[in-house]
Amino acid sequence: MKNAHVINFISIDDIKKNISYYFNQFKNNAVICFRNANLSKAEQVEVLKIFGDYSGWFPNTELLNDPIN
């Protein structure tokens, strides 16, 4: 069984700037973990929306009244 791919968390801005890298890590590994992220719920949703905007998936910033918030 393959374990989750662990990535040292730098910042949400780093994820935004390097989303293609992080998304490819997700595609190639199915699960990624950001070590030492310690994100609030709102920050977790922000990261999900960054991935959603890049991939065209939900959640993303285009959808209004999303149930995650």
PDB file of N, CA and C in Angstrom:
ATOM      1  N   MET A   1       0.842  -1.168   0.000  1.00  0.00           N
ATOM      2  CA  MET A   1       0.000   0.000   0.000  1.00  0.00           C
ATOM      3  C   MET A   1       0.892   1.239   0.000  1.00  0.00           C
ATOM      4  N   LYS A   2       0.523   2.188  -0.832  1.00  0.00           N
ATOM      5  CA  LYS A   2       1.288   3.427  -0.927  1.00  0.00           C
ATOM      6  C   LYS A   2       0.805   4.416   0.131  1.00  0.00           C
ATOM      7  N   ASN A   3       1.738   5.060   0.788  1.00  0.00           N
ATOM      8  CA  ASN A   3       1.402   6.075   1.778  1.00  0.00           C
ATOM      9  C   ASN A   3       1.145   7.407   1.097  1.00  0.00           C
ATOM     10  N   ALA A   4       0.556   8.320   1.826  1.00  0.00           N
ATOM     11  CA  ALA A   4       0.335   9.670   1.314  1.00  0.00           C
ATOM     12  C   ALA A   4       1.669  10.355   1.070  1.00  0.00           C
ATOM     13  N   HIS A   5       1.716  11.158   0.034  1.00  0.00           N
ATOM     14  CA  HIS A   5       2.920  11.924  -0.293  1.00  0.00           C
ATOM     15  C   HIS A   5       2.961  13.153   0.616  1.00  0.00           C
ATOM     16  N   VAL A   6       4.030  13.294   1.385  1.00  0.00           N
ATOM     17  CA  VAL A   6       4.147  14.384   2.355  1.00  0.00           C
ATOM     18  C   VAL A   6       4.965  15.519   1.748  1.00  0.00           C
ATOM     19  N   ILE A   7       4.420  16.725   1.843  1.00  0.00           N
ATOM     20  CA  ILE A   7       5.073  17.933   1.344  1.00  0.00           C
ATOM     21  C   ILE A   7       5.183  18.909   2.504  1.00  0.00           C
ATOM     22  N   ASN A   8       6.349  19.456   2.726  1.00  0.00           N
ATOM     23  CA  ASN A   8       6.512  20.462   3.774  1.00  0.00           C
ATOM     24  C   ASN A   8       5.787  21.735   3.370  1.00  0.00           C
ATOM     25  N   PHE A   9       4.879  22.177   4.223  1.00  0.00           N
ATOM     26  CA  PHE A   9       4.084  23.365   3.949  1.00  0.00           C
ATOM     27  C   PHE A   9       4.950  24.609   4.080  1.00  0.00           C
ATOM     28  N   ILE A  10       4.867  25.473   3.067  1.00  0.00           N
ATOM     29  CA  ILE A  10       5.585  26.745   3.097  1.00  0.00           C
ATOM     30  C   ILE A  10       4.594  27.866   3.391  1.00  0.00           C
ATOM     31  N   SER A  11       3.615  28.026   2.510  1.00  0.00           N
ATOM     32  CA  SER A  11       2.582  29.044   2.698  1.00  0.00           C
ATOM     33  C   SER A  11       1.482  28.833   1.669  1.00  0.00           C
ATOM     34  N   ILE A  12       0.340  29.439   1.925  1.00  0.00           N
ATOM     35  CA  ILE A  12      -0.745  29.392   0.950  1.00  0.00           C
ATOM     36  C   ILE A  12      -0.319  30.125  -0.319  1.00  0.00           C
ATOM     37  N   ASP A  13       0.418  31.217  -0.189  1.00  0.00           N
ATOM     38  CA  ASP A  13       0.909  31.930  -1.376  1.00  0.00           C
ATOM     39  C   ASP A  13       1.809  31.038  -2.224  1.00  0.00           C
ATOM     40  N   ASP A  14       2.622  30.202  -1.582  1.00  0.00           N
ATOM     41  CA  ASP A  14       3.467  29.275  -2.328  1.00  0.00           C
ATOM     42  C   ASP A  14       2.617  28.288  -3.117  1.00  0.00           C
ATOM     43  N   ILE A  15       1.535  27.810  -2.524  1.00  0.00           N
ATOM     44  CA  ILE A  15       0.635  26.902  -3.241  1.00  0.00           C
ATOM     45  C   ILE A  15       0.048  27.624  -4.446  1.00  0.00           C
ATOM     46  N   LYS A  16      -0.388  28.881  -4.262  1.00  0.00           N
ATOM     47  CA  LYS A  16      -0.939  29.653  -5.380  1.00  0.00           C
ATOM     48  C   LYS A  16       0.079  29.822  -6.501  1.00  0.00           C
ATOM     49  N   LYS A  17       1.300  30.157  -6.151  1.00  0.00           N
ATOM     50  CA  LYS A  17       2.343  30.415  -7.152  1.00  0.00           C
ATOM     51  C   LYS A  17       2.801  29.147  -7.856  1.00  0.00           C
ATOM     52  N   ASN A  18       2.718  28.016  -7.170  1.00  0.00           N
ATOM     53  CA  ASN A  18       3.238  26.758  -7.709  1.00  0.00           C
ATOM     54  C   ASN A  18       2.149  25.690  -7.811  1.00  0.00           C
ATOM     55  N   ILE A  19       0.925  26.120  -8.120  1.00  0.00           N
ATOM     56  CA  ILE A  19      -0.191  25.183  -8.130  1.00  0.00           C
ATOM     57  C   ILE A  19       0.017  24.045  -9.119  1.00  0.00           C
ATOM     58  N   SER A  20       0.668  24.280 -10.239  1.00  0.00           N
ATOM     59  CA  SER A  20       0.870  23.183 -11.195  1.00  0.00           C
ATOM     60  C   SER A  20       1.719  22.080 -10.564  1.00  0.00           C
ATOM     61  N   TYR A  21       2.744  22.440  -9.801  1.00  0.00           N
ATOM     62  CA  TYR A  21       3.574  21.448  -9.104  1.00  0.00           C
ATOM     63  C   TYR A  21       2.738  20.664  -8.103  1.00  0.00           C
ATOM     64  N   TYR A  22       2.005  21.381  -7.256  1.00  0.00           N
ATOM     65  CA  TYR A  22       1.225  20.720  -6.217  1.00  0.00           C
ATOM     66  C   TYR A  22       0.113  19.862  -6.815  1.00  0.00           C
ATOM     67  N   PHE A  23      -0.523  20.363  -7.869  1.00  0.00           N
ATOM     68  CA  PHE A  23      -1.584  19.583  -8.506  1.00  0.00           C
ATOM     69  C   PHE A  23      -1.015  18.317  -9.144  1.00  0.00           C
ATOM     70  N   ASN A  24       0.146  18.412  -9.776  1.00  0.00           N
ATOM     71  CA  ASN A  24       0.773  17.225 -10.356  1.00  0.00           C
ATOM     72  C   ASN A  24       1.149  16.224  -9.278  1.00  0.00           C
ATOM     73  N   GLN A  25       1.597  16.702  -8.121  1.00  0.00           N
ATOM     74  CA  GLN A  25       1.888  15.804  -7.003  1.00  0.00           C
ATOM     75  C   GLN A  25       0.614  15.073  -6.579  1.00  0.00           C
ATOM     76  N   PHE A  26      -0.491  15.798  -6.539  1.00  0.00           N
ATOM     77  CA  PHE A  26      -1.777  15.192  -6.192  1.00  0.00           C
ATOM     78  C   PHE A  26      -2.189  14.162  -7.241  1.00  0.00           C
ATOM     79  N   LYS A  27      -2.087  14.523  -8.522  1.00  0.00           N
ATOM     80  CA  LYS A  27      -2.463  13.589  -9.596  1.00  0.00           C
ATOM     81  C   LYS A  27      -1.602  12.333  -9.570  1.00  0.00           C
ATOM     82  N   ASN A  28      -0.322  12.491  -9.335  1.00  0.00           N
ATOM     83  CA  ASN A  28       0.597  11.357  -9.371  1.00  0.00           C
ATOM     84  C   ASN A  28       0.529  10.484  -8.128  1.00  0.00           C
ATOM     85  N   ASN A  29       0.103  11.045  -7.008  1.00  0.00           N
ATOM     86  CA  ASN A  29       0.135  10.318  -5.742  1.00  0.00           C
ATOM     87  C   ASN A  29      -1.235  10.040  -5.140  1.00  0.00           C
ATOM     88  N   ALA A  30      -2.282  10.618  -5.677  1.00  0.00           N
ATOM     89  CA  ALA A  30      -3.663  10.454  -5.223  1.00  0.00           C
ATOM     90  C   ALA A  30      -3.955  11.147  -3.891  1.00  0.00           C
ATOM     91  N   VAL A  31      -2.994  11.187  -2.992  1.00  0.00           N
ATOM     92  CA  VAL A  31      -3.169  11.860  -1.708  1.00  0.00           C
ATOM     93  C   VAL A  31      -1.876  12.606  -1.390  1.00  0.00           C
ATOM     94  N   ILE A  32      -2.009  13.869  -1.014  1.00  0.00           N
ATOM     95  CA  ILE A  32      -0.849  14.623  -0.539  1.00  0.00           C
ATOM     96  C   ILE A  32      -1.181  15.205   0.829  1.00  0.00           C
ATOM     97  N   CYS A  33      -0.178  15.318   1.650  1.00  0.00           N
ATOM     98  CA  CYS A  33      -0.322  15.904   2.984  1.00  0.00           C
ATOM     99  C   CYS A  33       0.650  17.065   3.100  1.00  0.00           C
ATOM    100  N   PHE A  34       0.166  18.166   3.617  1.00  0.00           N
ATOM    101  CA  PHE A  34       1.028  19.317   3.863  1.00  0.00           C
ATOM    102  C   PHE A  34       1.459  19.279   5.320  1.00  0.00           C
ATOM    103  N   ARG A  35       2.714  18.902   5.544  1.00  0.00           N
ATOM    104  CA  ARG A  35       3.253  18.790   6.902  1.00  0.00           C
ATOM    105  C   ARG A  35       3.385  20.168   7.534  1.00  0.00           C
ATOM    106  N   ASN A  36       2.978  20.281   8.791  1.00  0.00           N
ATOM    107  CA  ASN A  36       3.075  21.506   9.589  1.00  0.00           C
ATOM    108  C   ASN A  36       2.253  22.662   9.034  1.00  0.00           C
ATOM    109  N   ALA A  37       1.160  22.356   8.383  1.00  0.00           N
ATOM    110  CA  ALA A  37       0.326  23.420   7.815  1.00  0.00           C
ATOM    111  C   ALA A  37      -0.454  24.161   8.907  1.00  0.00           C
ATOM    112  N   ASN A  38      -1.047  23.451   9.851  1.00  0.00           N
ATOM    113  CA  ASN A  38      -1.815  24.080  10.935  1.00  0.00           C
ATOM    114  C   ASN A  38      -2.772  25.149  10.427  1.00  0.00           C
ATOM    115  N   LEU A  39      -3.578  24.799   9.439  1.00  0.00           N
ATOM    116  CA  LEU A  39      -4.490  25.755   8.811  1.00  0.00           C
ATOM    117  C   LEU A  39      -5.825  25.807   9.539  1.00  0.00           C
ATOM    118  N   SER A  40      -6.406  27.003   9.589  1.00  0.00           N
ATOM    119  CA  SER A  40      -7.767  27.145  10.107  1.00  0.00           C
ATOM    120  C   SER A  40      -8.728  26.548   9.077  1.00  0.00           C
ATOM    121  N   LYS A  41      -9.981  26.396   9.445  1.00  0.00           N
ATOM    122  CA  LYS A  41     -10.973  25.878   8.500  1.00  0.00           C
ATOM    123  C   LYS A  41     -11.060  26.780   7.273  1.00  0.00           C
ATOM    124  N   ALA A  42     -11.060  28.077   7.478  1.00  0.00           N
ATOM    125  CA  ALA A  42     -11.140  29.020   6.361  1.00  0.00           C
ATOM    126  C   ALA A  42      -9.927  28.887   5.439  1.00  0.00           C
ATOM    127  N   GLU A  43      -8.756  28.684   6.015  1.00  0.00           N
ATOM    128  CA  GLU A  43      -7.544  28.512   5.204  1.00  0.00           C
ATOM    129  C   GLU A  43      -7.575  27.183   4.452  1.00  0.00           C
ATOM    130  N   GLN A  44      -8.117  26.145   5.072  1.00  0.00           N
ATOM    131  CA  GLN A  44      -8.259  24.861   4.387  1.00  0.00           C
ATOM    132  C   GLN A  44      -9.172  24.999   3.179  1.00  0.00           C
ATOM    133  N   VAL A  45     -10.270  25.713   3.357  1.00  0.00           N
ATOM    134  CA  VAL A  45     -11.199  25.949   2.249  1.00  0.00           C
ATOM    135  C   VAL A  45     -10.508  26.754   1.152  1.00  0.00           C
ATOM    136  N   GLU A  46      -9.710  27.740   1.526  1.00  0.00           N
ATOM    137  CA  GLU A  46      -8.972  28.530   0.542  1.00  0.00           C
ATOM    138  C   GLU A  46      -8.051  27.632  -0.297  1.00  0.00           C
ATOM    139  N   VAL A  47      -7.351  26.715   0.357  1.00  0.00           N
ATOM    140  CA  VAL A  47      -6.471  25.783  -0.371  1.00  0.00           C
ATOM    141  C   VAL A  47      -7.298  24.895  -1.300  1.00  0.00           C
ATOM    142  N   LEU A  48      -8.422  24.395  -0.816  1.00  0.00           N
ATOM    143  CA  LEU A  48      -9.290  23.580  -1.671  1.00  0.00           C
ATOM    144  C   LEU A  48      -9.732  24.359  -2.902  1.00  0.00           C
ATOM    145  N   LYS A  49     -10.076  25.628  -2.706  1.00  0.00           N
ATOM    146  CA  LYS A  49     -10.530  26.449  -3.834  1.00  0.00           C
ATOM    147  C   LYS A  49      -9.397  26.746  -4.811  1.00  0.00           C
ATOM    148  N   ILE A  50      -8.175  26.864  -4.324  1.00  0.00           N
ATOM    149  CA  ILE A  50      -7.022  27.048  -5.220  1.00  0.00           C
ATOM    150  C   ILE A  50      -6.907  25.828  -6.131  1.00  0.00           C
ATOM    151  N   PHE A  51      -6.989  24.637  -5.537  1.00  0.00           N
ATOM    152  CA  PHE A  51      -6.948  23.412  -6.339  1.00  0.00           C
ATOM    153  C   PHE A  51      -8.156  23.336  -7.268  1.00  0.00           C
ATOM    154  N   GLY A  52      -9.335  23.714  -6.773  1.00  0.00           N
ATOM    155  CA  GLY A  52     -10.553  23.695  -7.590  1.00  0.00           C
ATOM    156  C   GLY A  52     -10.482  24.639  -8.771  1.00  0.00           C
ATOM    157  N   ASP A  53      -9.947  25.836  -8.562  1.00  0.00           N
ATOM    158  CA  ASP A  53      -9.804  26.797  -9.664  1.00  0.00           C
ATOM    159  C   ASP A  53      -8.858  26.257 -10.730  1.00  0.00           C
ATOM    160  N   TYR A  54      -7.772  25.655 -10.296  1.00  0.00           N
ATOM    161  CA  TYR A  54      -6.769  25.150 -11.240  1.00  0.00           C
ATOM    162  C   TYR A  54      -7.301  23.962 -12.035  1.00  0.00           C
ATOM    163  N   SER A  55      -8.030  23.083 -11.363  1.00  0.00           N
ATOM    164  CA  SER A  55      -8.466  21.837 -11.990  1.00  0.00           C
ATOM    165  C   SER A  55      -9.856  21.902 -12.607  1.00  0.00           C
ATOM    166  N   GLY A  56     -10.627  22.936 -12.249  1.00  0.00           N
ATOM    167  CA  GLY A  56     -12.014  23.001 -12.703  1.00  0.00           C
ATOM    168  C   GLY A  56     -12.944  22.163 -11.848  1.00  0.00           C
ATOM    169  N   TRP A  57     -12.482  21.754 -10.690  1.00  0.00           N
ATOM    170  CA  TRP A  57     -13.265  20.938  -9.778  1.00  0.00           C
ATOM    171  C   TRP A  57     -13.927  21.805  -8.714  1.00  0.00           C
ATOM    172  N   PHE A  58     -14.786  21.169  -7.915  1.00  0.00           N
ATOM    173  CA  PHE A  58     -15.429  21.819  -6.782  1.00  0.00           C
ATOM    174  C   PHE A  58     -14.670  21.434  -5.529  1.00  0.00           C
ATOM    175  N   PRO A  59     -14.510  22.306  -4.580  1.00  0.00           N
ATOM    176  CA  PRO A  59     -14.951  23.701  -4.532  1.00  0.00           C
ATOM    177  C   PRO A  59     -14.000  24.601  -5.315  1.00  0.00           C
ATOM    178  N   ASN A  60     -14.537  25.709  -5.762  1.00  0.00           N
ATOM    179  CA  ASN A  60     -13.725  26.712  -6.445  1.00  0.00           C
ATOM    180  C   ASN A  60     -14.313  28.090  -6.177  1.00  0.00           C
ATOM    181  N   THR A  61     -13.618  29.126  -6.591  1.00  0.00           N
ATOM    182  CA  THR A  61     -14.058  30.484  -6.281  1.00  0.00           C
ATOM    183  C   THR A  61     -15.189  30.963  -7.180  1.00  0.00           C
ATOM    184  N   GLU A  62     -15.523  30.208  -8.214  1.00  0.00           N
ATOM    185  CA  GLU A  62     -16.592  30.615  -9.126  1.00  0.00           C
ATOM    186  C   GLU A  62     -17.981  30.325  -8.568  1.00  0.00           C
ATOM    187  N   LEU A  63     -18.078  29.381  -7.668  1.00  0.00           N
ATOM    188  CA  LEU A  63     -19.382  28.976  -7.151  1.00  0.00           C
ATOM    189  C   LEU A  63     -19.778  29.832  -5.962  1.00  0.00           C
ATOM    190  N   LEU A  64     -20.959  30.351  -6.000  1.00  0.00           N
ATOM    191  CA  LEU A  64     -21.480  31.138  -4.891  1.00  0.00           C
ATOM    192  C   LEU A  64     -22.244  30.221  -3.941  1.00  0.00           C
ATOM    193  N   ASN A  65     -22.320  30.600  -2.700  1.00  0.00           N
ATOM    194  CA  ASN A  65     -23.078  29.856  -1.683  1.00  0.00           C
ATOM    195  C   ASN A  65     -22.625  28.410  -1.553  1.00  0.00           C
ATOM    196  N   ASP A  66     -21.317  28.189  -1.656  1.00  0.00           N
ATOM    197  CA  ASP A  66     -20.869  26.803  -1.532  1.00  0.00           C
ATOM    198  C   ASP A  66     -21.054  26.338  -0.084  1.00  0.00           C
ATOM    199  N   PRO A  67     -21.393  25.070   0.094  1.00  0.00           N
ATOM    200  CA  PRO A  67     -21.742  24.570   1.433  1.00  0.00           C
ATOM    201  C   PRO A  67     -20.547  24.323   2.354  1.00  0.00           C
ATOM    202  N   ILE A  68     -19.324  24.504   1.875  1.00  0.00           N
ATOM    203  CA  ILE A  68     -18.155  24.227   2.707  1.00  0.00           C
ATOM    204  C   ILE A  68     -17.955  25.311   3.759  1.00  0.00           C
ATOM    205  N   ASN A  69     -18.265  26.548   3.422  1.00  0.00           N
ATOM    206  CA  ASN A  69     -18.037  27.644   4.382  1.00  0.00           C
ATOM    207  C   ASN A  69     -19.063  27.647   5.477  1.00  0.00           C
TER     208      ASN A  69
END
